[in-house]
Each structure stands twice: as structure tokens, then as C-alpha cells.
Amino acid sequence: MDVISVFIQNRPGRLSQILKEVMSLKLYGFSIADAGEFGVVRLCLEDPHKAVDKLKRHDLIAHVTPAIAIEDNKLMDVIEIFERRNINIDEAIYAVNRDDRSLVVLKVSDTQRASSLLEEEGIETF
């Protein structure tokens, strides 16, 4: 599951502008990070590339980053696997809901390697 990052000015009305643009797509989860006058909204949507196209048409700065989604009950197992294999978790979005499953979305230092390791360990990714 990819993550969309949208850079916005930190003021009322900006979040609703973003959500209005992407609400035709299924929203699995989002987070907001405050950085003073600006912030970053991270979204997990059913079609991230379509969402980014919509956002960019409205002069919003947005990009897609590969990420890994796992069931939340596997989080500790995954953390331990990544620690042993020197893969850093850079960011996480918790409580993403997809198909009635609670997921954690992880942006990691090496998405491809992390996905392969989890497959080897029998941990399903989304």
C-alpha cells in the first residue's frame, strides 16, 4: 500500500481542500504532521496515483511513496524482523482499515527488501 504525502500550509481549510479532491476514492487512513507554518498530510487511498494527479491539478504538492501494510497484530513480529535485518521504520500510519482488517502502514528504509523478508517469514503484506 503506497502512501501519498501532501505538503500544505498549516491553516484552516487546507485539509478539507485535500479531502474534497480525493473523496471519490476509498480512504483507508490518514495522518497529519505539523511542521510549524506547514504540515504534511499522509493518505492511504485505493488509487494513489489517481489521487496525486487530482491533487496536482489543484496546485497541491503531492507525491507517492512505496510502503508496506501489515495486520496490526503482526506489528511486534515485523519490528523484530526489521531490527535483526537492519531495516529502519521511517514512518507509520496506524489503524488503517482495509477490507475490515486493521492495518499498520510502514514506510521503511528499503521497501523491496522488507517486502521480501516478510514474504520469507510468512507475513502477509497489503
Protein backbone atom coordinates (compact mmCIF):
# COMPACT_ATOMS: atom_id res chain seq x y z
CA MET A 1 0.00 0.00 0.00
CA ASP A 2 1.54 3.28 -1.07
CA VAL A 3 1.39 6.49 0.95
CA ILE A 4 0.58 9.88 -0.53
CA SER A 5 2.29 12.84 1.09
CA VAL A 6 0.75 16.27 0.56
CA PHE A 7 2.57 19.41 1.69
CA ILE A 8 0.21 22.12 2.86
CA GLN A 9 0.15 25.46 4.57
CA ASN A 10 -0.90 24.91 8.19
CA ARG A 11 -4.16 26.87 8.30
CA PRO A 12 -7.89 26.15 8.47
CA GLY A 13 -9.48 24.93 5.25
CA ARG A 14 -6.43 23.26 3.71
CA LEU A 15 -7.28 19.75 4.93
CA SER A 16 -10.82 19.97 3.60
CA GLN A 17 -9.45 21.10 0.23
CA ILE A 18 -7.32 17.96 0.04
CA LEU A 19 -10.05 15.61 1.17
CA LYS A 20 -12.60 17.09 -1.25
CA GLU A 21 -10.25 16.27 -4.12
CA VAL A 22 -9.81 12.62 -3.17
CA MET A 23 -13.11 11.63 -1.56
CA SER A 24 -14.26 9.86 -4.72
CA LEU A 25 -11.55 7.30 -3.84
CA LYS A 26 -11.75 4.94 -0.89
CA LEU A 27 -9.85 6.36 2.06
CA TYR A 28 -8.12 3.73 4.18
CA GLY A 29 -6.39 6.09 6.58
CA PHE A 30 -4.50 9.33 7.04
CA SER A 31 -2.25 11.24 9.38
CA ILE A 32 -1.18 14.85 9.80
CA ALA A 33 2.27 16.03 10.85
CA ASP A 34 2.71 19.60 11.99
CA ALA A 35 5.86 21.43 10.96
CA GLY A 36 5.12 24.98 12.10
CA GLU A 37 3.66 27.05 9.29
CA PHE A 38 3.47 23.99 7.05
CA GLY A 39 2.38 20.42 7.50
CA VAL A 40 2.31 17.09 5.77
CA VAL A 41 -0.87 15.11 5.26
CA ARG A 42 -0.31 11.44 4.56
CA LEU A 43 -3.10 9.47 2.92
CA CYS A 44 -3.69 5.81 2.15
CA LEU A 45 -6.16 5.58 -0.72
CA GLU A 46 -7.35 2.92 -3.14
CA ASP A 47 -5.71 4.54 -6.18
CA PRO A 48 -2.80 6.70 -5.01
CA HIS A 49 -1.56 7.73 -8.46
CA LYS A 50 -5.02 8.94 -9.48
CA ALA A 51 -5.23 10.88 -6.21
CA VAL A 52 -1.87 12.56 -6.80
CA ASP A 53 -2.97 13.57 -10.31
CA LYS A 54 -6.13 15.14 -8.87
CA LEU A 55 -4.20 16.99 -6.18
CA LYS A 56 -1.56 18.30 -8.57
CA ARG A 57 -4.26 19.68 -10.87
CA HIS A 58 -5.19 21.95 -7.95
CA ASP A 59 -1.63 23.14 -7.39
CA LEU A 60 -1.03 20.95 -4.35
CA ILE A 61 2.40 19.42 -3.85
CA ALA A 62 1.88 15.66 -3.56
CA HIS A 63 3.84 12.51 -4.21
CA VAL A 64 3.53 8.75 -3.77
CA THR A 65 5.94 6.76 -1.63
CA PRO A 66 6.03 2.95 -1.55
CA ALA A 67 5.11 1.47 1.82
CA ILE A 68 4.17 -1.84 3.39
CA ALA A 69 0.90 -2.56 5.14
CA ILE A 70 0.65 -5.36 7.66
CA GLU A 71 -2.08 -6.52 10.02
CA ASP A 72 -1.74 -4.71 13.32
CA ASN A 73 -1.41 -7.95 15.31
CA LYS A 74 1.86 -8.66 13.41
CA LEU A 75 3.50 -5.35 14.28
CA MET A 76 5.83 -6.62 17.00
CA ASP A 77 6.94 -9.57 14.83
CA VAL A 78 7.69 -7.21 11.95
CA ILE A 79 9.60 -4.78 14.16
CA GLU A 80 11.78 -7.62 15.42
CA ILE A 81 12.42 -8.94 11.89
CA PHE A 82 13.40 -5.47 10.69
CA GLU A 83 15.67 -4.90 13.68
CA ARG A 84 17.52 -8.17 13.03
CA ARG A 85 17.93 -7.28 9.35
CA ASN A 86 18.81 -3.60 9.84
CA ILE A 87 15.73 -2.13 8.14
CA ASN A 88 14.63 1.17 9.64
CA ILE A 89 10.97 2.14 10.03
CA ASP A 90 10.89 5.78 8.97
CA GLU A 91 7.18 6.47 9.45
CA ALA A 92 3.98 4.67 10.34
CA ILE A 93 0.28 5.24 9.91
CA TYR A 94 -1.67 3.20 12.42
CA ALA A 95 -5.25 1.96 12.32
CA VAL A 96 -5.69 1.95 8.59
CA ASN A 97 -8.80 -0.05 7.77
CA ARG A 98 -8.95 -2.06 4.56
CA ASP A 99 -11.49 -4.79 3.87
CA ASP A 100 -12.39 -4.89 7.58
CA ARG A 101 -8.76 -5.50 8.58
CA SER A 102 -6.85 -3.20 10.90
CA LEU A 103 -3.52 -2.44 9.29
CA VAL A 104 -0.35 -0.56 10.07
CA VAL A 105 1.32 1.13 7.10
CA LEU A 106 5.09 1.37 7.36
CA LYS A 107 7.47 3.49 5.32
CA VAL A 108 10.82 1.77 5.62
CA SER A 109 14.40 2.33 4.51
CA ASP A 110 14.24 -0.44 1.87
CA THR A 111 10.68 -1.33 0.83
CA GLN A 112 11.60 -4.04 -1.67
CA ARG A 113 13.94 -5.86 0.72
CA ALA A 114 11.46 -5.50 3.59
CA SER A 115 8.65 -6.99 1.48
CA SER A 116 10.84 -9.93 0.51
CA LEU A 117 11.83 -10.59 4.13
CA LEU A 118 8.22 -10.54 5.28
CA GLU A 119 7.22 -12.92 2.49
CA GLU A 120 10.02 -15.30 3.56
CA GLU A 121 8.71 -15.11 7.14
CA GLY A 122 5.14 -15.84 6.01
CA ILE A 123 3.78 -12.42 6.97
CA GLU A 124 1.14 -11.12 4.56
CA THR A 125 1.56 -7.60 3.24
CA PHE A 126 -1.00 -5.36 1.57
